[in-house]
Amino acid sequence: MALFVALAVALHTLESLFPSPTPWFRLGFANILVITALYLYGARAAWTVSLARIGIGSLLLGNLFSPGFLLSLSGGVLATALMTAARKVFGRLIGPVGVSALGALGHVVGQMLVAWLILVRHDGVWRLFPFLLLFALGTGIANGVAADSLLNLLLGHPAFKAVREADGRPARTRGSGRFRHPAPQPESASSSSGEK
């Protein structure tokens, strides 16, 4: 879990170097680790990674308890709440891409609400809302695809064998990016070996 937190903090800090359409809007790369933790270890792990990423990342960037921190916290809390709720309610019916898209939309809604209540008390700020939602949907889907790929990679590793079995996933076959049941052995081969 410490590794997930460290990677999420690193991505959160790295994101601050990238340009964004608004001062508080980010691409959400750190959310990849939150989704991965959610699918591997559950809701509590997702909350741990999300809140630790926001707190430690803001401390490293020197904006702890600043307006930017409040925006990041509000977006992160609403996003994590939506993602964990969707995972709990829908279970296997919703994958990392759908969970990530929901989280990205929740992040924008949480940030816009706090921005309007604390920073820019003007109705004109809501004109940005449709564009930010569309942008968030795109980044949410992209981050969900990345999280799905990371999950498939990790669950194929022997260290995550217990998690894979608890989730009911079979081992990954060699040369494939997805988990598939092993190919059945030909009956002739098994019968010939039995004869020997």
Protein backbone atom coordinates (compact mmCIF):
# COMPACT_ATOMS: atom_id res chain seq x y z
CA MET A 1 0.00 0.00 0.00
CA ALA A 2 2.89 2.35 0.75
CA LEU A 3 4.09 1.89 -2.83
CA PHE A 4 0.67 2.90 -4.18
CA VAL A 5 0.67 6.03 -2.01
CA ALA A 6 4.22 6.95 -3.04
CA LEU A 7 3.45 6.53 -6.75
CA ALA A 8 0.20 8.50 -6.42
CA VAL A 9 2.03 11.35 -4.67
CA ALA A 10 4.71 11.34 -7.37
CA LEU A 11 2.10 11.54 -10.14
CA HIS A 12 0.15 14.22 -8.26
CA THR A 13 3.33 16.31 -7.97
CA LEU A 14 4.30 15.69 -11.59
CA GLU A 15 0.87 16.81 -12.79
CA SER A 16 1.39 20.26 -11.30
CA LEU A 17 4.04 20.88 -13.97
CA PHE A 18 1.58 20.36 -16.83
CA PRO A 19 -0.60 23.16 -18.24
CA SER A 20 -4.32 22.91 -17.53
CA PRO A 21 -7.46 24.75 -18.70
CA THR A 22 -8.02 26.15 -15.18
CA PRO A 23 -5.63 26.67 -12.25
CA TRP A 24 -7.21 23.81 -10.30
CA PHE A 25 -7.88 21.29 -13.07
CA ARG A 26 -5.51 18.33 -13.51
CA LEU A 27 -5.36 15.28 -15.76
CA GLY A 28 -5.87 12.90 -12.85
CA PHE A 29 -2.99 10.47 -13.44
CA ALA A 30 -2.79 9.76 -9.71
CA ASN A 31 -6.33 8.42 -9.91
CA ILE A 32 -4.93 5.39 -11.76
CA LEU A 33 -3.38 4.25 -8.47
CA VAL A 34 -6.61 4.94 -6.55
CA ILE A 35 -8.61 2.75 -8.96
CA THR A 36 -5.97 0.02 -8.86
CA ALA A 37 -6.03 0.03 -5.04
CA LEU A 38 -9.83 -0.08 -5.11
CA TYR A 39 -9.92 -3.18 -7.30
CA LEU A 40 -7.06 -4.94 -5.54
CA TYR A 41 -7.72 -4.13 -1.87
CA GLY A 42 -11.14 -2.48 -1.59
CA ALA A 43 -12.68 0.85 -0.63
CA ARG A 44 -10.56 1.51 2.46
CA ALA A 45 -7.37 1.23 0.42
CA ALA A 46 -8.77 3.58 -2.23
CA TRP A 47 -9.60 6.18 0.43
CA THR A 48 -6.13 5.80 1.95
CA VAL A 49 -4.35 6.34 -1.36
CA SER A 50 -6.61 9.23 -2.37
CA LEU A 51 -6.42 11.21 0.89
CA ALA A 52 -2.72 10.53 1.41
CA ARG A 53 -1.99 11.62 -2.14
CA ILE A 54 -3.84 14.91 -1.64
CA GLY A 55 -2.33 15.63 1.77
CA ILE A 56 1.28 14.64 1.11
CA GLY A 57 1.23 16.04 -2.43
CA SER A 58 -0.06 19.41 -1.23
CA LEU A 59 2.57 19.45 1.52
CA LEU A 60 5.35 18.81 -0.99
CA LEU A 61 4.03 21.50 -3.33
CA GLY A 62 3.73 24.00 -0.48
CA ASN A 63 0.00 24.65 -0.87
CA LEU A 64 -1.38 22.76 2.13
CA PHE A 65 -4.65 24.39 3.35
CA SER A 66 -4.56 26.83 0.44
CA PRO A 67 -7.56 27.31 -1.90
CA GLY A 68 -5.90 24.86 -4.31
CA PHE A 69 -5.72 22.27 -1.55
CA LEU A 70 -9.42 22.74 -0.74
CA LEU A 71 -10.30 22.30 -4.42
CA SER A 72 -8.18 19.18 -4.69
CA LEU A 73 -9.63 17.77 -1.47
CA SER A 74 -13.25 18.41 -2.46
CA GLY A 75 -12.77 16.88 -5.89
CA GLY A 76 -10.87 13.91 -4.50
CA VAL A 77 -13.43 13.19 -1.80
CA LEU A 78 -16.40 13.28 -4.17
CA ALA A 79 -14.55 11.28 -6.82
CA THR A 80 -13.49 8.58 -4.35
CA ALA A 81 -16.99 8.44 -2.86
CA LEU A 82 -18.53 7.90 -6.29
CA MET A 83 -15.96 5.31 -7.33
CA THR A 84 -16.20 3.25 -4.14
CA ALA A 85 -20.01 3.44 -4.18
CA ALA A 86 -20.16 2.33 -7.83
CA ARG A 87 -17.80 -0.56 -7.13
CA LYS A 88 -19.89 -1.63 -4.11
CA VAL A 89 -23.27 -1.32 -5.82
CA PHE A 90 -22.44 -2.72 -9.26
CA GLY A 91 -19.58 -5.08 -8.38
CA ARG A 92 -18.26 -6.85 -11.47
CA LEU A 93 -20.80 -5.14 -13.70
CA ILE A 94 -18.65 -2.02 -13.79
CA GLY A 95 -15.01 -2.05 -14.78
CA PRO A 96 -12.12 0.31 -14.12
CA VAL A 97 -12.98 2.47 -17.13
CA GLY A 98 -16.54 3.12 -15.94
CA VAL A 99 -15.39 3.70 -12.36
CA SER A 100 -12.70 6.11 -13.55
CA ALA A 101 -15.15 8.07 -15.72
CA LEU A 102 -17.52 8.44 -12.76
CA GLY A 103 -14.66 9.55 -10.54
CA ALA A 104 -13.49 12.14 -13.06
CA LEU A 105 -16.97 13.61 -13.38
CA GLY A 106 -17.34 13.68 -9.59
CA HIS A 107 -13.98 15.40 -9.29
CA VAL A 108 -15.09 18.23 -11.56
CA VAL A 109 -18.43 18.64 -9.77
CA GLY A 110 -16.74 18.79 -6.35
CA GLN A 111 -14.14 21.30 -7.50
CA MET A 112 -16.66 23.53 -9.26
CA LEU A 113 -18.89 23.65 -6.19
CA VAL A 114 -16.04 24.65 -3.90
CA ALA A 115 -14.65 27.10 -6.47
CA TRP A 116 -18.06 28.78 -6.70
CA LEU A 117 -18.62 28.80 -2.93
CA ILE A 118 -15.14 29.96 -1.86
CA LEU A 119 -13.17 31.47 -4.75
CA VAL A 120 -15.37 32.87 -7.53
CA ARG A 121 -18.83 33.70 -6.26
CA HIS A 122 -20.11 34.43 -9.74
CA ASP A 123 -22.57 32.47 -11.86
CA GLY A 124 -20.33 32.90 -14.90
CA VAL A 125 -17.99 30.23 -13.55
CA TRP A 126 -20.61 27.63 -14.46
CA ARG A 127 -20.12 28.43 -18.14
CA LEU A 128 -16.92 26.43 -17.93
CA PHE A 129 -18.76 23.48 -16.47
CA PRO A 130 -19.81 21.67 -19.71
CA PHE A 131 -16.31 21.96 -21.20
CA LEU A 132 -14.66 20.74 -18.01
CA LEU A 133 -17.10 17.82 -17.82
CA LEU A 134 -16.27 16.80 -21.38
CA PHE A 135 -12.55 17.13 -20.71
CA ALA A 136 -12.88 15.15 -17.48
CA LEU A 137 -14.79 12.38 -19.25
CA GLY A 138 -11.97 11.99 -21.77
CA THR A 139 -9.22 11.94 -19.15
CA GLY A 140 -11.33 9.63 -16.95
CA ILE A 141 -11.70 7.08 -19.74
CA ALA A 142 -7.98 7.28 -20.58
CA ASN A 143 -6.99 6.82 -16.93
CA GLY A 144 -9.46 3.94 -16.62
CA VAL A 145 -7.86 2.16 -19.56
CA ALA A 146 -4.45 2.68 -17.94
CA ALA A 147 -5.75 1.37 -14.61
CA ASP A 148 -7.25 -1.68 -16.33
CA SER A 149 -3.92 -2.43 -18.02
CA LEU A 150 -2.07 -2.01 -14.73
CA LEU A 151 -4.53 -4.33 -12.97
CA ASN A 152 -4.07 -7.02 -15.61
CA LEU A 153 -0.30 -6.69 -15.30
CA LEU A 154 -0.31 -6.87 -11.49
CA LEU A 155 -2.82 -9.70 -11.25
CA GLY A 156 -0.63 -11.78 -13.54
CA HIS A 157 2.22 -11.54 -11.03
CA PRO A 158 2.62 -14.34 -8.46
CA ALA A 159 2.62 -11.76 -5.63
CA PHE A 160 -1.06 -11.04 -6.35
CA LYS A 161 -2.12 -14.69 -6.64
CA ALA A 162 -4.32 -14.52 -3.52
CA VAL A 163 -6.06 -11.37 -4.76
CA ARG A 164 -6.63 -12.94 -8.17
CA GLU A 165 -8.13 -16.09 -6.70
CA ALA A 166 -10.36 -14.14 -4.31
CA ASP A 167 -11.66 -12.17 -7.28
CA GLY A 168 -12.32 -15.38 -9.21
CA ARG A 169 -9.95 -14.58 -12.05
CA PRO A 170 -8.00 -17.39 -13.69
CA ALA A 171 -4.30 -17.12 -14.33
CA ARG A 172 -3.23 -15.12 -17.36
CA THR A 173 -2.14 -17.16 -20.33
CA ARG A 174 1.22 -16.43 -21.86
CA GLY A 175 1.17 -13.90 -24.66
CA SER A 176 -2.22 -12.41 -23.85
CA GLY A 177 -3.00 -9.14 -22.10
CA ARG A 178 -6.22 -10.45 -20.57
CA PHE A 179 -7.06 -13.23 -18.17
CA ARG A 180 -8.33 -16.37 -19.83
CA HIS A 181 -8.93 -19.89 -18.72
CA PRO A 182 -6.08 -22.22 -19.65
CA ALA A 183 -6.68 -24.11 -22.85
CA PRO A 184 -7.98 -27.67 -22.18
CA GLN A 185 -5.52 -30.46 -22.81
CA PRO A 186 -6.31 -32.72 -25.80
CA GLU A 187 -7.99 -35.92 -24.72
CA SER A 188 -5.70 -38.06 -26.82
CA ALA A 189 -2.63 -36.72 -25.06
CA SER A 190 -4.06 -37.38 -21.61
CA SER A 191 -5.17 -40.91 -22.57
CA SER A 192 -1.80 -41.75 -24.09
CA SER A 193 -0.01 -40.56 -20.98
CA GLY A 194 -2.35 -42.69 -18.88
CA GLU A 195 -1.51 -45.76 -20.93
CA LYS A 196 2.18 -45.32 -20.23
